[in-house]
Structures are given as C-alpha cells and as structure tokens.
Amino acid sequence: MKPHIDTAQLLDLYPALVDLSPAQLAEVLAGAQVVDVPAGTALFGSGSPCRHFPFVLAGSIRVAKVGDGRELQLYRVGPG
C-alpha cells in the first residue's frame, strides 16, 4: 500500500496547485506518490529526460553539475 498524500500539505506548500480545477488536481494526485529518498541518491542525470516532477515535502534536493571529476552545486530545492 502506498503512503497517503496529504493534499492539504501539498496545497499549502505549492499554492499554484490551488488554481487547478478539481479534475486537474485529481489527475496530478492520481499520478503522485510519496517517496522517501535516502541522502545522496541521484534523482536525475545530466542529459536524461525528466520523467517526474518532485514536489519536495521535507528535506531538500541538491542540484549540481558534475564534470571532469568535479562537482559544482548550483542550488537546493526545499519544500514549496
């Protein structure tokens, strides 16, 4: 059984979703899933298609550019 999505929390963190129609919001929620990702896990790679959109509910995602054995942190994405 997949974890429950707290719709109120999602709408509080992402107020732009309030502008969706009930049918559009239901479609977003139908495809959404709560995932607990361990620190250091790569979600996307450079040049890879982005197949999912992460709504960060807790913690943060570090966005970095890697090349020539070096890493440059670009920014962090937190809740909301």
C-alpha atoms as a PDB file:
ATOM      1  CA  MET A   1       0.000   0.000   0.000  1.00  0.00           C
ATOM      2  CA  LYS A   2       1.489   3.352  -0.992  1.00  0.00           C
ATOM      3  CA  PRO A   3       1.725   6.144   1.617  1.00  0.00           C
ATOM      4  CA  HIS A   4      -1.146   8.631   1.733  1.00  0.00           C
ATOM      5  CA  ILE A   5      -0.621  12.007   0.064  1.00  0.00           C
ATOM      6  CA  ASP A   6      -1.589  14.833   2.401  1.00  0.00           C
ATOM      7  CA  THR A   7      -3.474  17.064  -0.046  1.00  0.00           C
ATOM      8  CA  ALA A   8      -3.733  19.950   2.438  1.00  0.00           C
ATOM      9  CA  GLN A   9       0.064  19.907   2.984  1.00  0.00           C
ATOM     10  CA  LEU A  10       0.713  19.775  -0.758  1.00  0.00           C
ATOM     11  CA  LEU A  11      -1.615  22.726  -1.436  1.00  0.00           C
ATOM     12  CA  ASP A  12      -0.097  24.685   1.454  1.00  0.00           C
ATOM     13  CA  LEU A  13       3.449  24.162   0.153  1.00  0.00           C
ATOM     14  CA  TYR A  14       2.552  24.615  -3.523  1.00  0.00           C
ATOM     15  CA  PRO A  15      -0.169  27.313  -3.692  1.00  0.00           C
ATOM     16  CA  ALA A  16      -0.107  27.352  -7.517  1.00  0.00           C
ATOM     17  CA  LEU A  17      -1.900  23.988  -7.382  1.00  0.00           C
ATOM     18  CA  VAL A  18      -4.930  25.753  -5.867  1.00  0.00           C
ATOM     19  CA  ASP A  19      -5.564  27.281  -9.317  1.00  0.00           C
ATOM     20  CA  LEU A  20      -6.106  23.830 -10.839  1.00  0.00           C
ATOM     21  CA  SER A  21      -9.640  22.635 -11.417  1.00  0.00           C
ATOM     22  CA  PRO A  22     -10.757  19.756  -9.182  1.00  0.00           C
ATOM     23  CA  ALA A  23     -10.355  17.389 -12.168  1.00  0.00           C
ATOM     24  CA  GLN A  24      -6.828  18.638 -12.891  1.00  0.00           C
ATOM     25  CA  LEU A  25      -5.820  18.334  -9.229  1.00  0.00           C
ATOM     26  CA  ALA A  26      -7.271  14.819  -9.120  1.00  0.00           C
ATOM     27  CA  GLU A  27      -5.164  13.924 -12.180  1.00  0.00           C
ATOM     28  CA  VAL A  28      -1.993  15.246 -10.511  1.00  0.00           C
ATOM     29  CA  LEU A  29      -2.764  13.341  -7.308  1.00  0.00           C
ATOM     30  CA  ALA A  30      -3.612  10.142  -9.204  1.00  0.00           C
ATOM     31  CA  GLY A  31      -0.083  10.035 -10.633  1.00  0.00           C
ATOM     32  CA  ALA A  32       1.642  11.227  -7.463  1.00  0.00           C
ATOM     33  CA  GLN A  33       3.412   9.051  -4.968  1.00  0.00           C
ATOM     34  CA  VAL A  34       5.188   9.707  -1.706  1.00  0.00           C
ATOM     35  CA  VAL A  35       8.814   8.576  -1.907  1.00  0.00           C
ATOM     36  CA  ASP A  36      11.376   8.684   0.879  1.00  0.00           C
ATOM     37  CA  VAL A  37      14.701   9.117  -0.901  1.00  0.00           C
ATOM     38  CA  PRO A  38      17.932   8.386   1.006  1.00  0.00           C
ATOM     39  CA  ALA A  39      20.548  11.152   1.105  1.00  0.00           C
ATOM     40  CA  GLY A  40      22.973  11.012  -1.810  1.00  0.00           C
ATOM     41  CA  THR A  41      20.536   9.316  -4.196  1.00  0.00           C
ATOM     42  CA  ALA A  42      20.647  10.683  -7.763  1.00  0.00           C
ATOM     43  CA  LEU A  43      17.146  11.514  -8.988  1.00  0.00           C
ATOM     44  CA  PHE A  44      18.125  12.741 -12.448  1.00  0.00           C
ATOM     45  CA  GLY A  45      21.274  12.828 -14.525  1.00  0.00           C
ATOM     46  CA  SER A  46      22.583  15.398 -16.965  1.00  0.00           C
ATOM     47  CA  GLY A  47      21.068  14.786 -20.370  1.00  0.00           C
ATOM     48  CA  SER A  48      18.467  12.359 -19.029  1.00  0.00           C
ATOM     49  CA  PRO A  49      14.810  13.098 -19.631  1.00  0.00           C
ATOM     50  CA  CYS A  50      12.942  14.303 -16.560  1.00  0.00           C
ATOM     51  CA  ARG A  51      10.076  11.813 -16.277  1.00  0.00           C
ATOM     52  CA  HIS A  52       8.781  13.031 -12.909  1.00  0.00           C
ATOM     53  CA  PHE A  53       8.362  16.333 -11.123  1.00  0.00           C
ATOM     54  CA  PRO A  54       9.416  16.218  -7.464  1.00  0.00           C
ATOM     55  CA  PHE A  55       7.195  18.088  -5.028  1.00  0.00           C
ATOM     56  CA  VAL A  56       9.548  18.339  -2.060  1.00  0.00           C
ATOM     57  CA  LEU A  57       7.585  17.910   1.185  1.00  0.00           C
ATOM     58  CA  ALA A  58      10.539  17.665   3.605  1.00  0.00           C
ATOM     59  CA  GLY A  59      14.299  17.922   3.370  1.00  0.00           C
ATOM     60  CA  SER A  60      15.928  19.253   0.219  1.00  0.00           C
ATOM     61  CA  ILE A  61      17.241  18.247  -3.178  1.00  0.00           C
ATOM     62  CA  ARG A  62      20.706  19.402  -4.143  1.00  0.00           C
ATOM     63  CA  VAL A  63      21.129  20.305  -7.799  1.00  0.00           C
ATOM     64  CA  ALA A  64      24.708  20.036  -9.037  1.00  0.00           C
ATOM     65  CA  LYS A  65      26.673  19.924 -12.267  1.00  0.00           C
ATOM     66  CA  VAL A  66      29.310  17.203 -12.452  1.00  0.00           C
ATOM     67  CA  GLY A  67      32.177  17.175 -14.930  1.00  0.00           C
ATOM     68  CA  ASP A  68      35.879  16.326 -15.125  1.00  0.00           C
ATOM     69  CA  GLY A  69      35.675  14.679 -11.713  1.00  0.00           C
ATOM     70  CA  ARG A  70      34.500  17.923 -10.143  1.00  0.00           C
ATOM     71  CA  GLU A  71      31.115  18.913  -8.816  1.00  0.00           C
ATOM     72  CA  LEU A  72      29.551  22.375  -8.708  1.00  0.00           C
ATOM     73  CA  GLN A  73      26.487  22.815  -6.540  1.00  0.00           C
ATOM     74  CA  LEU A  74      24.043  25.059  -8.377  1.00  0.00           C
ATOM     75  CA  TYR A  75      21.214  25.357  -5.852  1.00  0.00           C
ATOM     76  CA  ARG A  76      18.973  23.471  -3.433  1.00  0.00           C
ATOM     77  CA  VAL A  77      15.248  22.833  -3.721  1.00  0.00           C
ATOM     78  CA  GLY A  78      13.306  22.648  -0.469  1.00  0.00           C
ATOM     79  CA  PRO A  79       9.672  22.226   0.439  1.00  0.00           C
ATOM     80  CA  GLY A  80       7.415  24.537  -1.548  1.00  0.00           C
END
